[in-house]
């Protein structure tokens, strides 16, 4: 959805994207509807926002925040620097 404008909140678009990725679609779609997964997503989203997340994709390396897919190289360098 960051490379192509896809509405992944549309079940048909999501199903198509998962199929194109050769993932097992039906078990994934069933799993994301469970209360356990929804609760975990809510908890992790709240924790991420508390750390400073303001959009997606956001990544953290330690306490350093990176926003945007264009920062993936920076994230890799930050991870390697921590080794």
PDB file of N, CA and C in Angstrom:
ATOM      1  N   UNK A   1       0.809  -1.197   0.000  1.00  0.00           N
ATOM      2  CA  UNK A   1       0.000   0.000   0.000  1.00  0.00           C
ATOM      3  C   UNK A   1       0.853   1.262   0.000  1.00  0.00           C
ATOM      4  N   UNK A   2       2.157   1.123   0.317  1.00  0.00           N
ATOM      5  CA  UNK A   2       3.027   2.288   0.282  1.00  0.00           C
ATOM      6  C   UNK A   2       3.618   2.497  -1.102  1.00  0.00           C
ATOM      7  N   UNK A   3       3.691   1.441  -1.906  1.00  0.00           N
ATOM      8  CA  UNK A   3       4.221   1.553  -3.262  1.00  0.00           C
ATOM      9  C   UNK A   3       3.108   1.826  -4.267  1.00  0.00           C
ATOM     10  N   UNK A   4       1.954   1.250  -4.017  1.00  0.00           N
ATOM     11  CA  UNK A   4       0.783   1.452  -4.870  1.00  0.00           C
ATOM     12  C   UNK A   4      -0.391   1.820  -3.975  1.00  0.00           C
ATOM     13  N   UNK A   5      -1.205   2.771  -4.404  1.00  0.00           N
ATOM     14  CA  UNK A   5      -2.344   3.151  -3.551  1.00  0.00           C
ATOM     15  C   UNK A   5      -3.414   2.056  -3.524  1.00  0.00           C
ATOM     16  N   UNK A   6      -3.344   1.217  -2.489  1.00  0.00           N
ATOM     17  CA  UNK A   6      -4.325   0.142  -2.323  1.00  0.00           C
ATOM     18  C   UNK A   6      -5.058   0.347  -1.014  1.00  0.00           C
ATOM     19  N   UNK A   7      -6.353   0.172  -1.040  1.00  0.00           N
ATOM     20  CA  UNK A   7      -7.187   0.299   0.164  1.00  0.00           C
ATOM     21  C   UNK A   7      -7.274  -1.057   0.838  1.00  0.00           C
ATOM     22  N   UNK A   8      -6.324  -1.316   1.733  1.00  0.00           N
ATOM     23  CA  UNK A   8      -6.276  -2.622   2.372  1.00  0.00           C
ATOM     24  C   UNK A   8      -7.372  -2.807   3.416  1.00  0.00           C
ATOM     25  N   UNK A   9      -8.179  -1.762   3.650  1.00  0.00           N
ATOM     26  CA  UNK A   9      -9.344  -1.944   4.506  1.00  0.00           C
ATOM     27  C   UNK A   9     -10.534  -2.496   3.719  1.00  0.00           C
ATOM     28  N   UNK A  10     -10.375  -2.611   2.408  1.00  0.00           N
ATOM     29  CA  UNK A  10     -11.390  -3.224   1.549  1.00  0.00           C
ATOM     30  C   UNK A  10     -11.093  -4.725   1.500  1.00  0.00           C
ATOM     31  N   UNK A  11     -12.019  -5.567   1.979  1.00  0.00           N
ATOM     32  CA  UNK A  11     -11.753  -7.015   2.036  1.00  0.00           C
ATOM     33  C   UNK A  11     -11.345  -7.624   0.697  1.00  0.00           C
ATOM     34  N   UNK A  12     -11.916  -7.156  -0.408  1.00  0.00           N
ATOM     35  CA  UNK A  12     -11.560  -7.710  -1.713  1.00  0.00           C
ATOM     36  C   UNK A  12     -10.133  -7.331  -2.105  1.00  0.00           C
ATOM     37  N   UNK A  13      -9.735  -6.100  -1.802  1.00  0.00           N
ATOM     38  CA  UNK A  13      -8.371  -5.651  -2.099  1.00  0.00           C
ATOM     39  C   UNK A  13      -7.377  -6.409  -1.230  1.00  0.00           C
ATOM     40  N   UNK A  14      -7.693  -6.575   0.043  1.00  0.00           N
ATOM     41  CA  UNK A  14      -6.821  -7.310   0.949  1.00  0.00           C
ATOM     42  C   UNK A  14      -6.672  -8.757   0.494  1.00  0.00           C
ATOM     43  N   UNK A  15      -7.775  -9.389   0.163  1.00  0.00           N
ATOM     44  CA  UNK A  15      -7.753 -10.775  -0.302  1.00  0.00           C
ATOM     45  C   UNK A  15      -6.861 -10.905  -1.542  1.00  0.00           C
ATOM     46  N   UNK A  16      -7.000  -9.982  -2.469  1.00  0.00           N
ATOM     47  CA  UNK A  16      -6.189  -9.997  -3.688  1.00  0.00           C
ATOM     48  C   UNK A  16      -4.703  -9.813  -3.377  1.00  0.00           C
ATOM     49  N   UNK A  17      -4.374  -8.880  -2.481  1.00  0.00           N
ATOM     50  CA  UNK A  17      -2.970  -8.634  -2.122  1.00  0.00           C
ATOM     51  C   UNK A  17      -2.362  -9.862  -1.448  1.00  0.00           C
ATOM     52  N   UNK A  18      -3.104 -10.504  -0.562  1.00  0.00           N
ATOM     53  CA  UNK A  18      -2.607 -11.704   0.103  1.00  0.00           C
ATOM     54  C   UNK A  18      -2.406 -12.841  -0.896  1.00  0.00           C
ATOM     55  N   UNK A  19      -3.340 -12.980  -1.811  1.00  0.00           N
ATOM     56  CA  UNK A  19      -3.241 -14.017  -2.835  1.00  0.00           C
ATOM     57  C   UNK A  19      -2.019 -13.774  -3.714  1.00  0.00           C
ATOM     58  N   UNK A  20      -1.812 -12.525  -4.137  1.00  0.00           N
ATOM     59  CA  UNK A  20      -0.649 -12.178  -4.965  1.00  0.00           C
ATOM     60  C   UNK A  20       0.660 -12.463  -4.224  1.00  0.00           C
ATOM     61  N   UNK A  21       0.622 -12.388  -2.912  1.00  0.00           N
ATOM     62  CA  UNK A  21       1.821 -12.634  -2.101  1.00  0.00           C
ATOM     63  C   UNK A  21       1.998 -14.111  -1.789  1.00  0.00           C
ATOM     64  N   UNK A  22       1.162 -14.935  -2.354  1.00  0.00           N
ATOM     65  CA  UNK A  22       1.155 -16.398  -2.174  1.00  0.00           C
ATOM     66  C   UNK A  22       0.991 -16.818  -0.718  1.00  0.00           C
ATOM     67  N   UNK A  23       0.243 -16.019   0.043  1.00  0.00           N
ATOM     68  CA  UNK A  23      -0.062 -16.375   1.429  1.00  0.00           C
ATOM     69  C   UNK A  23      -1.353 -17.175   1.466  1.00  0.00           C
ATOM     70  N   UNK A  24      -1.530 -17.946   2.522  1.00  0.00           N
ATOM     71  CA  UNK A  24      -2.729 -18.751   2.712  1.00  0.00           C
ATOM     72  C   UNK A  24      -3.832 -17.825   3.220  1.00  0.00           C
ATOM     73  N   UNK A  25      -4.661 -17.354   2.340  1.00  0.00           N
ATOM     74  CA  UNK A  25      -5.588 -16.256   2.587  1.00  0.00           C
ATOM     75  C   UNK A  25      -6.626 -16.542   3.660  1.00  0.00           C
ATOM     76  N   UNK A  26      -7.352 -17.616   3.535  1.00  0.00           N
ATOM     77  CA  UNK A  26      -8.494 -17.851   4.433  1.00  0.00           C
ATOM     78  C   UNK A  26      -8.107 -17.932   5.896  1.00  0.00           C
ATOM     79  N   UNK A  27      -7.057 -18.672   6.272  1.00  0.00           N
ATOM     80  CA  UNK A  27      -6.680 -18.686   7.696  1.00  0.00           C
ATOM     81  C   UNK A  27      -6.276 -17.294   8.211  1.00  0.00           C
ATOM     82  N   UNK A  28      -5.592 -16.516   7.383  1.00  0.00           N
ATOM     83  CA  UNK A  28      -5.208 -15.163   7.810  1.00  0.00           C
ATOM     84  C   UNK A  28      -6.420 -14.272   8.015  1.00  0.00           C
ATOM     85  N   UNK A  29      -7.355 -14.321   7.073  1.00  0.00           N
ATOM     86  CA  UNK A  29      -8.550 -13.491   7.197  1.00  0.00           C
ATOM     87  C   UNK A  29      -9.385 -13.898   8.410  1.00  0.00           C
ATOM     88  N   UNK A  30      -9.434 -15.171   8.701  1.00  0.00           N
ATOM     89  CA  UNK A  30     -10.167 -15.636   9.885  1.00  0.00           C
ATOM     90  C   UNK A  30      -9.463 -15.174  11.159  1.00  0.00           C
ATOM     91  N   UNK A  31      -8.148 -15.275  11.169  1.00  0.00           N
ATOM     92  CA  UNK A  31      -7.370 -14.912  12.358  1.00  0.00           C
ATOM     93  C   UNK A  31      -7.506 -13.433  12.705  1.00  0.00           C
ATOM     94  N   UNK A  32      -7.483 -12.563  11.701  1.00  0.00           N
ATOM     95  CA  UNK A  32      -7.541 -11.124  11.994  1.00  0.00           C
ATOM     96  C   UNK A  32      -8.898 -10.687  12.530  1.00  0.00           C
ATOM     97  N   UNK A  33      -9.872 -11.560  12.449  1.00  0.00           N
ATOM     98  CA  UNK A  33     -11.199 -11.242  12.975  1.00  0.00           C
ATOM     99  C   UNK A  33     -11.383 -11.673  14.434  1.00  0.00           C
ATOM    100  N   UNK A  34     -10.387 -12.342  14.996  1.00  0.00           N
ATOM    101  CA  UNK A  34     -10.528 -12.825  16.370  1.00  0.00           C
ATOM    102  C   UNK A  34     -10.300 -11.700  17.377  1.00  0.00           C
ATOM    103  N   UNK A  35     -10.949 -11.807  18.493  1.00  0.00           N
ATOM    104  CA  UNK A  35     -10.808 -10.802  19.561  1.00  0.00           C
ATOM    105  C   UNK A  35      -9.362 -10.725  20.051  1.00  0.00           C
ATOM    106  N   UNK A  36      -8.707 -11.866  20.146  1.00  0.00           N
ATOM    107  CA  UNK A  36      -7.323 -11.902  20.631  1.00  0.00           C
ATOM    108  C   UNK A  36      -6.401 -11.069  19.742  1.00  0.00           C
ATOM    109  N   UNK A  37      -6.515 -11.237  18.435  1.00  0.00           N
ATOM    110  CA  UNK A  37      -5.664 -10.481  17.505  1.00  0.00           C
ATOM    111  C   UNK A  37      -6.036  -9.005  17.532  1.00  0.00           C
ATOM    112  N   UNK A  38      -7.317  -8.699  17.568  1.00  0.00           N
ATOM    113  CA  UNK A  38      -7.743  -7.300  17.612  1.00  0.00           C
ATOM    114  C   UNK A  38      -7.262  -6.619  18.889  1.00  0.00           C
ATOM    115  N   UNK A  39      -7.340  -7.313  20.020  1.00  0.00           N
ATOM    116  CA  UNK A  39      -6.863  -6.754  21.290  1.00  0.00           C
ATOM    117  C   UNK A  39      -5.356  -6.513  21.259  1.00  0.00           C
ATOM    118  N   UNK A  40      -4.625  -7.470  20.693  1.00  0.00           N
ATOM    119  CA  UNK A  40      -3.172  -7.313  20.608  1.00  0.00           C
ATOM    120  C   UNK A  40      -2.800  -6.142  19.699  1.00  0.00           C
ATOM    121  N   UNK A  41      -3.487  -5.993  18.589  1.00  0.00           N
ATOM    122  CA  UNK A  41      -3.237  -4.862  17.687  1.00  0.00           C
ATOM    123  C   UNK A  41      -3.515  -3.542  18.394  1.00  0.00           C
ATOM    124  N   UNK A  42      -4.620  -3.476  19.118  1.00  0.00           N
ATOM    125  CA  UNK A  42      -4.975  -2.266  19.850  1.00  0.00           C
ATOM    126  C   UNK A  42      -3.892  -1.922  20.883  1.00  0.00           C
ATOM    127  N   UNK A  43      -3.460  -2.911  21.637  1.00  0.00           N
ATOM    128  CA  UNK A  43      -2.427  -2.700  22.665  1.00  0.00           C
ATOM    129  C   UNK A  43      -1.123  -2.226  22.043  1.00  0.00           C
ATOM    130  N   UNK A  44      -0.695  -2.884  20.976  1.00  0.00           N
ATOM    131  CA  UNK A  44       0.568  -2.502  20.333  1.00  0.00           C
ATOM    132  C   UNK A  44       0.474  -1.140  19.666  1.00  0.00           C
ATOM    133  N   UNK A  45      -0.684  -0.809  19.107  1.00  0.00           N
ATOM    134  CA  UNK A  45      -0.868   0.506  18.497  1.00  0.00           C
ATOM    135  C   UNK A  45      -0.788   1.596  19.557  1.00  0.00           C
ATOM    136  N   UNK A  46      -1.449   1.395  20.690  1.00  0.00           N
ATOM    137  CA  UNK A  46      -1.404   2.379  21.779  1.00  0.00           C
ATOM    138  C   UNK A  46       0.023   2.567  22.293  1.00  0.00           C
ATOM    139  N   UNK A  47       0.753   1.472  22.430  1.00  0.00           N
ATOM    140  CA  UNK A  47       2.148   1.544  22.896  1.00  0.00           C
ATOM    141  C   UNK A  47       3.017   2.290  21.874  1.00  0.00           C
ATOM    142  N   UNK A  48       2.790   2.032  20.605  1.00  0.00           N
ATOM    143  CA  UNK A  48       3.563   2.684  19.556  1.00  0.00           C
ATOM    144  C   UNK A  48       3.279   4.187  19.508  1.00  0.00           C
ATOM    145  N   UNK A  49       2.029   4.564  19.617  1.00  0.00           N
ATOM    146  CA  UNK A  49       1.660   5.989  19.632  1.00  0.00           C
ATOM    147  C   UNK A  49       2.283   6.675  20.847  1.00  0.00           C
ATOM    148  N   UNK A  50       2.291   6.006  21.975  1.00  0.00           N
ATOM    149  CA  UNK A  50       2.904   6.572  23.182  1.00  0.00           C
ATOM    150  C   UNK A  50       4.397   6.815  22.989  1.00  0.00           C
ATOM    151  N   UNK A  51       5.041   6.022  22.128  1.00  0.00           N
ATOM    152  CA  UNK A  51       6.471   6.200  21.839  1.00  0.00           C
ATOM    153  C   UNK A  51       6.721   7.300  20.823  1.00  0.00           C
ATOM    154  N   UNK A  52       5.670   7.771  20.140  1.00  0.00           N
ATOM    155  CA  UNK A  52       5.849   8.860  19.191  1.00  0.00           C
ATOM    156  C   UNK A  52       5.437   8.572  17.771  1.00  0.00           C
ATOM    157  N   UNK A  53       4.887   7.400  17.522  1.00  0.00           N
ATOM    158  CA  UNK A  53       4.425   7.075  16.180  1.00  0.00           C
ATOM    159  C   UNK A  53       3.324   8.038  15.765  1.00  0.00           C
ATOM    160  N   UNK A  54       3.423   8.521  14.523  1.00  0.00           N
ATOM    161  CA  UNK A  54       2.406   9.447  14.026  1.00  0.00           C
ATOM    162  C   UNK A  54       1.886   9.042  12.659  1.00  0.00           C
ATOM    163  N   UNK A  55       2.376   7.941  12.133  1.00  0.00           N
ATOM    164  CA  UNK A  55       1.936   7.462  10.831  1.00  0.00           C
ATOM    165  C   UNK A  55       2.560   6.112  10.548  1.00  0.00           C
ATOM    166  N   UNK A  56       2.315   5.640   9.356  1.00  0.00           N
ATOM    167  CA  UNK A  56       2.796   4.314   9.002  1.00  0.00           C
ATOM    168  C   UNK A  56       3.434   4.360   7.617  1.00  0.00           C
ATOM    169  N   UNK A  57       4.553   3.718   7.450  1.00  0.00           N
ATOM    170  CA  UNK A  57       5.243   2.843   8.380  1.00  0.00           C
ATOM    171  C   UNK A  57       6.201   3.613   9.293  1.00  0.00           C
ATOM    172  N   UNK A  58       6.189   3.251  10.540  1.00  0.00           N
ATOM    173  CA  UNK A  58       7.119   3.797  11.524  1.00  0.00           C
ATOM    174  C   UNK A  58       7.909   2.637  12.109  1.00  0.00           C
ATOM    175  N   UNK A  59       9.198   2.857  12.281  1.00  0.00           N
ATOM    176  CA  UNK A  59      10.088   1.835  12.830  1.00  0.00           C
ATOM    177  C   UNK A  59      10.879   2.448  13.967  1.00  0.00           C
ATOM    178  N   UNK A  60      11.222   1.631  14.948  1.00  0.00           N
ATOM    179  CA  UNK A  60      12.080   2.050  16.053  1.00  0.00           C
ATOM    180  C   UNK A  60      13.306   1.150  16.075  1.00  0.00           C
ATOM    181  N   UNK A  61      14.448   1.774  16.263  1.00  0.00           N
ATOM    182  CA  UNK A  61      15.680   1.051  16.547  1.00  0.00           C
ATOM    183  C   UNK A  61      16.147   1.637  17.868  1.00  0.00           C
ATOM    184  N   UNK A  62      15.972   0.869  18.933  1.00  0.00           N
ATOM    185  CA  UNK A  62      16.199   1.424  20.260  1.00  0.00           C
ATOM    186  C   UNK A  62      15.163   2.514  20.497  1.00  0.00           C
ATOM    187  N   UNK A  63      15.622   3.703  20.844  1.00  0.00           N
ATOM    188  CA  UNK A  63      14.711   4.832  21.053  1.00  0.00           C
ATOM    189  C   UNK A  63      14.602   5.729  19.825  1.00  0.00           C
ATOM    190  N   UNK A  64      15.354   5.407  18.773  1.00  0.00           N
ATOM    191  CA  UNK A  64      15.347   6.240  17.570  1.00  0.00           C
ATOM    192  C   UNK A  64      14.166   5.854  16.688  1.00  0.00           C
ATOM    193  N   UNK A  65      13.442   6.869  16.204  1.00  0.00           N
ATOM    194  CA  UNK A  65      12.255   6.646  15.391  1.00  0.00           C
ATOM    195  C   UNK A  65      12.565   6.954  13.930  1.00  0.00           C
ATOM    196  N   UNK A  66      12.039   6.119  13.054  1.00  0.00           N
ATOM    197  CA  UNK A  66      12.193   6.291  11.617  1.00  0.00           C
ATOM    198  C   UNK A  66      10.803   6.227  11.000  1.00  0.00           C
ATOM    199  N   UNK A  67      10.498   7.186  10.141  1.00  0.00           N
ATOM    200  CA  UNK A  67       9.187   7.217   9.506  1.00  0.00           C
ATOM    201  C   UNK A  67       9.339   7.165   7.993  1.00  0.00           C
ATOM    202  N   UNK A  68       8.610   6.253   7.380  1.00  0.00           N
ATOM    203  CA  UNK A  68       8.552   6.175   5.927  1.00  0.00           C
ATOM    204  C   UNK A  68       9.398   5.055   5.357  1.00  0.00           C
ATOM    205  N   UNK A  69       8.890   4.482   4.263  1.00  0.00           N
ATOM    206  CA  UNK A  69       9.622   3.380   3.641  1.00  0.00           C
ATOM    207  C   UNK A  69      10.931   3.845   3.040  1.00  0.00           C
ATOM    208  N   UNK A  70      11.054   5.128   2.769  1.00  0.00           N
ATOM    209  CA  UNK A  70      12.301   5.659   2.230  1.00  0.00           C
ATOM    210  C   UNK A  70      13.421   5.665   3.271  1.00  0.00           C
ATOM    211  N   UNK A  71      13.106   5.373   4.520  1.00  0.00           N
ATOM    212  CA  UNK A  71      14.105   5.348   5.590  1.00  0.00           C
ATOM    213  C   UNK A  71      14.642   3.946   5.877  1.00  0.00           C
ATOM    214  N   UNK A  72      14.257   2.964   5.085  1.00  0.00           N
ATOM    215  CA  UNK A  72      14.680   1.594   5.342  1.00  0.00           C
ATOM    216  C   UNK A  72      16.199   1.437   5.347  1.00  0.00           C
ATOM    217  N   UNK A  73      16.903   2.146   4.482  1.00  0.00           N
ATOM    218  CA  UNK A  73      18.372   2.093   4.467  1.00  0.00           C
ATOM    219  C   UNK A  73      18.918   2.632   5.793  1.00  0.00           C
ATOM    220  N   UNK A  74      18.348   3.735   6.273  1.00  0.00           N
ATOM    221  CA  UNK A  74      18.779   4.307   7.553  1.00  0.00           C
ATOM    222  C   UNK A  74      18.529   3.333   8.707  1.00  0.00           C
ATOM    223  N   UNK A  75      17.418   2.639   8.642  1.00  0.00           N
ATOM    224  CA  UNK A  75      17.081   1.662   9.680  1.00  0.00           C
ATOM    225  C   UNK A  75      18.104   0.530   9.678  1.00  0.00           C
ATOM    226  N   UNK A  76      18.420   0.049   8.497  1.00  0.00           N
ATOM    227  CA  UNK A  76      19.421  -1.016   8.387  1.00  0.00           C
ATOM    228  C   UNK A  76      20.755  -0.565   8.974  1.00  0.00           C
ATOM    229  N   UNK A  77      21.168   0.647   8.643  1.00  0.00           N
ATOM    230  CA  UNK A  77      22.432   1.168   9.168  1.00  0.00           C
ATOM    231  C   UNK A  77      22.392   1.306  10.685  1.00  0.00           C
ATOM    232  N   UNK A  78      21.255   1.738  11.216  1.00  0.00           N
ATOM    233  CA  UNK A  78      21.119   1.894  12.671  1.00  0.00           C
ATOM    234  C   UNK A  78      21.195   0.539  13.378  1.00  0.00           C
ATOM    235  N   UNK A  79      20.590  -0.456  12.780  1.00  0.00           N
ATOM    236  CA  UNK A  79      20.630  -1.811  13.356  1.00  0.00           C
ATOM    237  C   UNK A  79      22.067  -2.335  13.337  1.00  0.00           C
ATOM    238  N   UNK A  80      22.735  -2.185  12.218  1.00  0.00           N
ATOM    239  CA  UNK A  80      24.118  -2.659  12.108  1.00  0.00           C
ATOM    240  C   UNK A  80      25.040  -1.926  13.067  1.00  0.00           C
ATOM    241  N   UNK A  81      24.801  -0.641  13.279  1.00  0.00           N
ATOM    242  CA  UNK A  81      25.628   0.151  14.193  1.00  0.00           C
ATOM    243  C   UNK A  81      25.459  -0.309  15.638  1.00  0.00           C
ATOM    244  N   UNK A  82      24.337  -0.892  15.973  1.00  0.00           N
ATOM    245  CA  UNK A  82      24.068  -1.345  17.345  1.00  0.00           C
ATOM    246  C   UNK A  82      24.708  -2.695  17.652  1.00  0.00           C
ATOM    247  N   UNK A  83      25.214  -3.373  16.649  1.00  0.00           N
ATOM    248  CA  UNK A  83      25.791  -4.721  16.845  1.00  0.00           C
ATOM    249  C   UNK A  83      27.068  -4.665  17.628  1.00  0.00           C
TER     250      UNK A  83
END
